[in-house]
Amino acid sequence: MKKFLLIIISALLLFTLSACGASSNETVVVDNAGDFSAGMIYEDDTISVELIEFYVGEDDACYMNLHVDNHTNKRITVYLHDGLVNDEPVELWEHTPMMVEPGKSTEHPFYFEGYEKNSVQKIEFIVCLDDESLENFYKSEPVVLISE
């Protein structure tokens, strides 16, 4: 728990010291293999992304339940691109599109298949945003989650 709090405090300090509009691409280190602790994993002036839970569903897929805050004045659709699990390419899916109203937030699960929870050491992806006209207007720096 102390490591987790230290990581969160360090991340907040980095965000505070970073230039306006800059994004954080710092690797977030989390607990044991397959055990990705909840916490803020990405934040800038456009969005904030928090990992709520990492779990295996009834369909044996690995799920990441994400909480996204929309800091823009646009309705956005959120999707994950360039997914890697343990440095291997993987498709990151969602059952329905994640849409977030301007200035609001929502939680939504994304999932990938072909791995057992305890075999997942590292997850990497880019957060992409489309506006209401389905035009991509944003791509985050890579988000990297590593279990110890």
C-alpha atoms as a PDB file:
ATOM      1  CA  MET A   1       0.000   0.000   0.000  1.00  0.00           C
ATOM      2  CA  LYS A   2       2.909   2.350   0.748  1.00  0.00           C
ATOM      3  CA  LYS A   3       4.347   1.752  -2.737  1.00  0.00           C
ATOM      4  CA  PHE A   4       0.977   2.521  -4.286  1.00  0.00           C
ATOM      5  CA  LEU A   5       0.626   5.775  -2.329  1.00  0.00           C
ATOM      6  CA  LEU A   6       4.195   6.735  -3.215  1.00  0.00           C
ATOM      7  CA  ILE A   7       3.460   6.123  -6.906  1.00  0.00           C
ATOM      8  CA  ILE A   8       0.268   8.212  -6.755  1.00  0.00           C
ATOM      9  CA  ILE A   9       2.012  11.063  -4.927  1.00  0.00           C
ATOM     10  CA  SER A  10       4.917  10.953  -7.404  1.00  0.00           C
ATOM     11  CA  ALA A  11       2.530  10.989 -10.350  1.00  0.00           C
ATOM     12  CA  LEU A  12       0.606  13.953  -8.911  1.00  0.00           C
ATOM     13  CA  LEU A  13       3.861  15.821  -8.354  1.00  0.00           C
ATOM     14  CA  LEU A  14       4.912  15.163 -11.948  1.00  0.00           C
ATOM     15  CA  PHE A  15       1.566  16.422 -13.243  1.00  0.00           C
ATOM     16  CA  THR A  16       1.881  19.550 -11.109  1.00  0.00           C
ATOM     17  CA  LEU A  17       5.405  20.282 -12.329  1.00  0.00           C
ATOM     18  CA  SER A  18       4.765  19.506 -15.993  1.00  0.00           C
ATOM     19  CA  ALA A  19       4.068  22.256 -18.507  1.00  0.00           C
ATOM     20  CA  CYS A  20       0.502  23.186 -19.403  1.00  0.00           C
ATOM     21  CA  GLY A  21      -0.905  20.775 -21.962  1.00  0.00           C
ATOM     22  CA  ALA A  22       1.914  18.302 -21.462  1.00  0.00           C
ATOM     23  CA  SER A  23       1.057  14.680 -20.974  1.00  0.00           C
ATOM     24  CA  SER A  24       2.468  12.060 -18.672  1.00  0.00           C
ATOM     25  CA  ASN A  25       3.864   8.918 -20.229  1.00  0.00           C
ATOM     26  CA  GLU A  26       5.340   7.587 -17.022  1.00  0.00           C
ATOM     27  CA  THR A  27       5.181   3.851 -16.463  1.00  0.00           C
ATOM     28  CA  VAL A  28       2.901   2.898 -13.590  1.00  0.00           C
ATOM     29  CA  VAL A  29       4.249   0.018 -11.527  1.00  0.00           C
ATOM     30  CA  VAL A  30       1.616  -2.107  -9.821  1.00  0.00           C
ATOM     31  CA  ASP A  31       1.598  -5.092  -7.475  1.00  0.00           C
ATOM     32  CA  ASN A  32       1.994  -8.804  -8.271  1.00  0.00           C
ATOM     33  CA  ALA A  33       1.701 -10.533 -11.661  1.00  0.00           C
ATOM     34  CA  GLY A  34      -1.874 -10.278 -12.815  1.00  0.00           C
ATOM     35  CA  ASP A  35      -2.676  -8.015  -9.878  1.00  0.00           C
ATOM     36  CA  PHE A  36      -2.985  -4.493 -11.232  1.00  0.00           C
ATOM     37  CA  SER A  37      -3.952  -2.168  -8.387  1.00  0.00           C
ATOM     38  CA  ALA A  38      -6.538   0.532  -8.901  1.00  0.00           C
ATOM     39  CA  GLY A  39      -5.269   4.063  -9.454  1.00  0.00           C
ATOM     40  CA  MET A  40      -4.693   6.933 -11.880  1.00  0.00           C
ATOM     41  CA  ILE A  41      -2.823   5.667 -14.935  1.00  0.00           C
ATOM     42  CA  TYR A  42      -2.942   8.699 -17.253  1.00  0.00           C
ATOM     43  CA  GLU A  43      -3.808  12.378 -16.945  1.00  0.00           C
ATOM     44  CA  ASP A  44      -3.433  15.532 -18.988  1.00  0.00           C
ATOM     45  CA  ASP A  45      -5.537  18.584 -19.931  1.00  0.00           C
ATOM     46  CA  THR A  46      -7.790  16.477 -22.208  1.00  0.00           C
ATOM     47  CA  ILE A  47      -8.567  13.353 -20.168  1.00  0.00           C
ATOM     48  CA  SER A  48      -7.891  11.505 -16.931  1.00  0.00           C
ATOM     49  CA  VAL A  49      -7.885   7.704 -16.935  1.00  0.00           C
ATOM     50  CA  GLU A  50      -8.079   5.618 -13.782  1.00  0.00           C
ATOM     51  CA  LEU A  51      -7.809   1.834 -13.558  1.00  0.00           C
ATOM     52  CA  ILE A  52     -10.719   0.742 -11.371  1.00  0.00           C
ATOM     53  CA  GLU A  53     -10.224  -3.012 -11.580  1.00  0.00           C
ATOM     54  CA  PHE A  54      -8.369  -5.739 -13.494  1.00  0.00           C
ATOM     55  CA  TYR A  55     -10.211  -9.067 -13.477  1.00  0.00           C
ATOM     56  CA  VAL A  56     -11.141 -12.198 -15.427  1.00  0.00           C
ATOM     57  CA  GLY A  57     -14.728 -12.356 -16.680  1.00  0.00           C
ATOM     58  CA  GLU A  58     -17.030 -15.339 -16.990  1.00  0.00           C
ATOM     59  CA  ASP A  59     -15.905 -15.592 -20.634  1.00  0.00           C
ATOM     60  CA  ASP A  60     -12.243 -16.095 -19.501  1.00  0.00           C
ATOM     61  CA  ALA A  61     -11.201 -12.755 -21.012  1.00  0.00           C
ATOM     62  CA  CYS A  62      -9.066 -10.300 -18.999  1.00  0.00           C
ATOM     63  CA  TYR A  63     -10.915  -7.047 -18.275  1.00  0.00           C
ATOM     64  CA  MET A  64      -9.700  -3.570 -17.364  1.00  0.00           C
ATOM     65  CA  ASN A  65     -12.480  -1.450 -15.933  1.00  0.00           C
ATOM     66  CA  LEU A  66     -11.464   2.159 -16.668  1.00  0.00           C
ATOM     67  CA  HIS A  67     -12.860   5.435 -15.327  1.00  0.00           C
ATOM     68  CA  VAL A  68     -12.403   8.307 -17.808  1.00  0.00           C
ATOM     69  CA  ASP A  69     -12.887  12.012 -17.061  1.00  0.00           C
ATOM     70  CA  ASN A  70     -13.546  14.158 -20.137  1.00  0.00           C
ATOM     71  CA  HIS A  71     -11.891  17.580 -19.671  1.00  0.00           C
ATOM     72  CA  THR A  72     -13.005  18.811 -23.113  1.00  0.00           C
ATOM     73  CA  ASN A  73     -16.106  20.636 -24.309  1.00  0.00           C
ATOM     74  CA  LYS A  74     -16.816  17.807 -26.789  1.00  0.00           C
ATOM     75  CA  ARG A  75     -18.737  14.561 -26.491  1.00  0.00           C
ATOM     76  CA  ILE A  76     -16.032  11.924 -26.932  1.00  0.00           C
ATOM     77  CA  THR A  77     -15.828   8.261 -27.830  1.00  0.00           C
ATOM     78  CA  VAL A  78     -12.916   6.531 -26.106  1.00  0.00           C
ATOM     79  CA  TYR A  79     -11.081   3.528 -27.487  1.00  0.00           C
ATOM     80  CA  LEU A  80      -7.745   1.843 -26.868  1.00  0.00           C
ATOM     81  CA  HIS A  81      -5.266   1.370 -29.707  1.00  0.00           C
ATOM     82  CA  ASP A  82      -1.847  -0.306 -30.174  1.00  0.00           C
ATOM     83  CA  GLY A  83      -2.468  -2.809 -27.372  1.00  0.00           C
ATOM     84  CA  LEU A  84       0.376  -4.950 -26.104  1.00  0.00           C
ATOM     85  CA  VAL A  85       0.273  -7.594 -23.385  1.00  0.00           C
ATOM     86  CA  ASN A  86       3.668  -8.881 -22.272  1.00  0.00           C
ATOM     87  CA  ASP A  87       5.069  -7.039 -25.351  1.00  0.00           C
ATOM     88  CA  GLU A  88       2.869  -9.093 -27.730  1.00  0.00           C
ATOM     89  CA  PRO A  89       0.258  -7.326 -29.915  1.00  0.00           C
ATOM     90  CA  VAL A  90      -3.306  -7.791 -28.702  1.00  0.00           C
ATOM     91  CA  GLU A  91      -6.693  -6.380 -29.631  1.00  0.00           C
ATOM     92  CA  LEU A  92      -8.305  -4.391 -26.831  1.00  0.00           C
ATOM     93  CA  TRP A  93     -12.057  -4.738 -27.192  1.00  0.00           C
ATOM     94  CA  GLU A  94     -15.174  -3.258 -25.678  1.00  0.00           C
ATOM     95  CA  HIS A  95     -18.725  -4.606 -25.813  1.00  0.00           C
ATOM     96  CA  THR A  96     -20.212  -1.153 -26.492  1.00  0.00           C
ATOM     97  CA  PRO A  97     -18.558   2.177 -27.329  1.00  0.00           C
ATOM     98  CA  MET A  98     -17.398   4.279 -24.378  1.00  0.00           C
ATOM     99  CA  MET A  99     -18.959   7.707 -24.788  1.00  0.00           C
ATOM    100  CA  VAL A 100     -18.360  10.551 -22.353  1.00  0.00           C
ATOM    101  CA  GLU A 101     -20.242  13.848 -22.332  1.00  0.00           C
ATOM    102  CA  PRO A 102     -18.308  17.160 -22.065  1.00  0.00           C
ATOM    103  CA  GLY A 103     -16.995  17.732 -18.556  1.00  0.00           C
ATOM    104  CA  LYS A 104     -18.363  14.378 -17.344  1.00  0.00           C
ATOM    105  CA  SER A 105     -16.902  10.976 -16.516  1.00  0.00           C
ATOM    106  CA  THR A 106     -17.873   7.336 -16.877  1.00  0.00           C
ATOM    107  CA  GLU A 107     -16.603   3.815 -16.175  1.00  0.00           C
ATOM    108  CA  HIS A 108     -16.292   1.229 -18.897  1.00  0.00           C
ATOM    109  CA  PRO A 109     -14.687  -2.219 -19.316  1.00  0.00           C
ATOM    110  CA  PHE A 110     -12.142  -3.024 -22.037  1.00  0.00           C
ATOM    111  CA  TYR A 111     -10.934  -6.583 -22.519  1.00  0.00           C
ATOM    112  CA  PHE A 112      -8.433  -8.837 -24.253  1.00  0.00           C
ATOM    113  CA  GLU A 113      -8.312 -12.589 -24.765  1.00  0.00           C
ATOM    114  CA  GLY A 114      -5.700 -15.330 -24.845  1.00  0.00           C
ATOM    115  CA  TYR A 115      -4.076 -14.777 -21.440  1.00  0.00           C
ATOM    116  CA  GLU A 116      -4.601 -16.052 -17.940  1.00  0.00           C
ATOM    117  CA  LYS A 117      -4.739 -13.265 -15.372  1.00  0.00           C
ATOM    118  CA  ASN A 118      -1.628 -14.434 -13.522  1.00  0.00           C
ATOM    119  CA  SER A 119       0.428 -14.548 -16.731  1.00  0.00           C
ATOM    120  CA  VAL A 120      -0.086 -10.839 -17.449  1.00  0.00           C
ATOM    121  CA  GLN A 121       3.091  -8.962 -16.516  1.00  0.00           C
ATOM    122  CA  LYS A 122       2.692  -5.834 -18.656  1.00  0.00           C
ATOM    123  CA  ILE A 123      -0.125  -4.025 -20.458  1.00  0.00           C
ATOM    124  CA  GLU A 124       0.474  -1.144 -22.868  1.00  0.00           C
ATOM    125  CA  PHE A 125      -1.940   0.915 -24.969  1.00  0.00           C
ATOM    126  CA  ILE A 126      -2.729   4.345 -26.375  1.00  0.00           C
ATOM    127  CA  VAL A 127      -5.988   6.100 -25.518  1.00  0.00           C
ATOM    128  CA  CYS A 128      -7.686   7.545 -28.609  1.00  0.00           C
ATOM    129  CA  LEU A 129     -10.610   9.946 -28.746  1.00  0.00           C
ATOM    130  CA  ASP A 130     -13.103  10.628 -31.512  1.00  0.00           C
ATOM    131  CA  ASP A 131     -15.483  13.567 -31.541  1.00  0.00           C
ATOM    132  CA  GLU A 132     -19.171  13.383 -32.467  1.00  0.00           C
ATOM    133  CA  SER A 133     -18.336  13.393 -36.187  1.00  0.00           C
ATOM    134  CA  LEU A 134     -16.137  10.301 -35.557  1.00  0.00           C
ATOM    135  CA  GLU A 135     -12.990  12.262 -36.359  1.00  0.00           C
ATOM    136  CA  ASN A 136     -10.001  11.237 -34.282  1.00  0.00           C
ATOM    137  CA  PHE A 137      -8.688  14.348 -32.546  1.00  0.00           C
ATOM    138  CA  TYR A 138      -6.511  12.886 -29.788  1.00  0.00           C
ATOM    139  CA  LYS A 139      -3.992  10.132 -29.077  1.00  0.00           C
ATOM    140  CA  SER A 140      -2.344   9.823 -25.681  1.00  0.00           C
ATOM    141  CA  GLU A 141       1.220   8.985 -24.960  1.00  0.00           C
ATOM    142  CA  PRO A 142       1.619   5.227 -24.354  1.00  0.00           C
ATOM    143  CA  VAL A 143       0.099   4.035 -21.079  1.00  0.00           C
ATOM    144  CA  VAL A 144       2.177   1.238 -19.561  1.00  0.00           C
ATOM    145  CA  LEU A 145       1.134  -0.913 -16.605  1.00  0.00           C
ATOM    146  CA  ILE A 146       3.731  -3.272 -15.150  1.00  0.00           C
ATOM    147  CA  SER A 147       3.183  -5.792 -12.382  1.00  0.00           C
ATOM    148  CA  GLU A 148       6.027  -6.575 -10.029  1.00  0.00           C
END
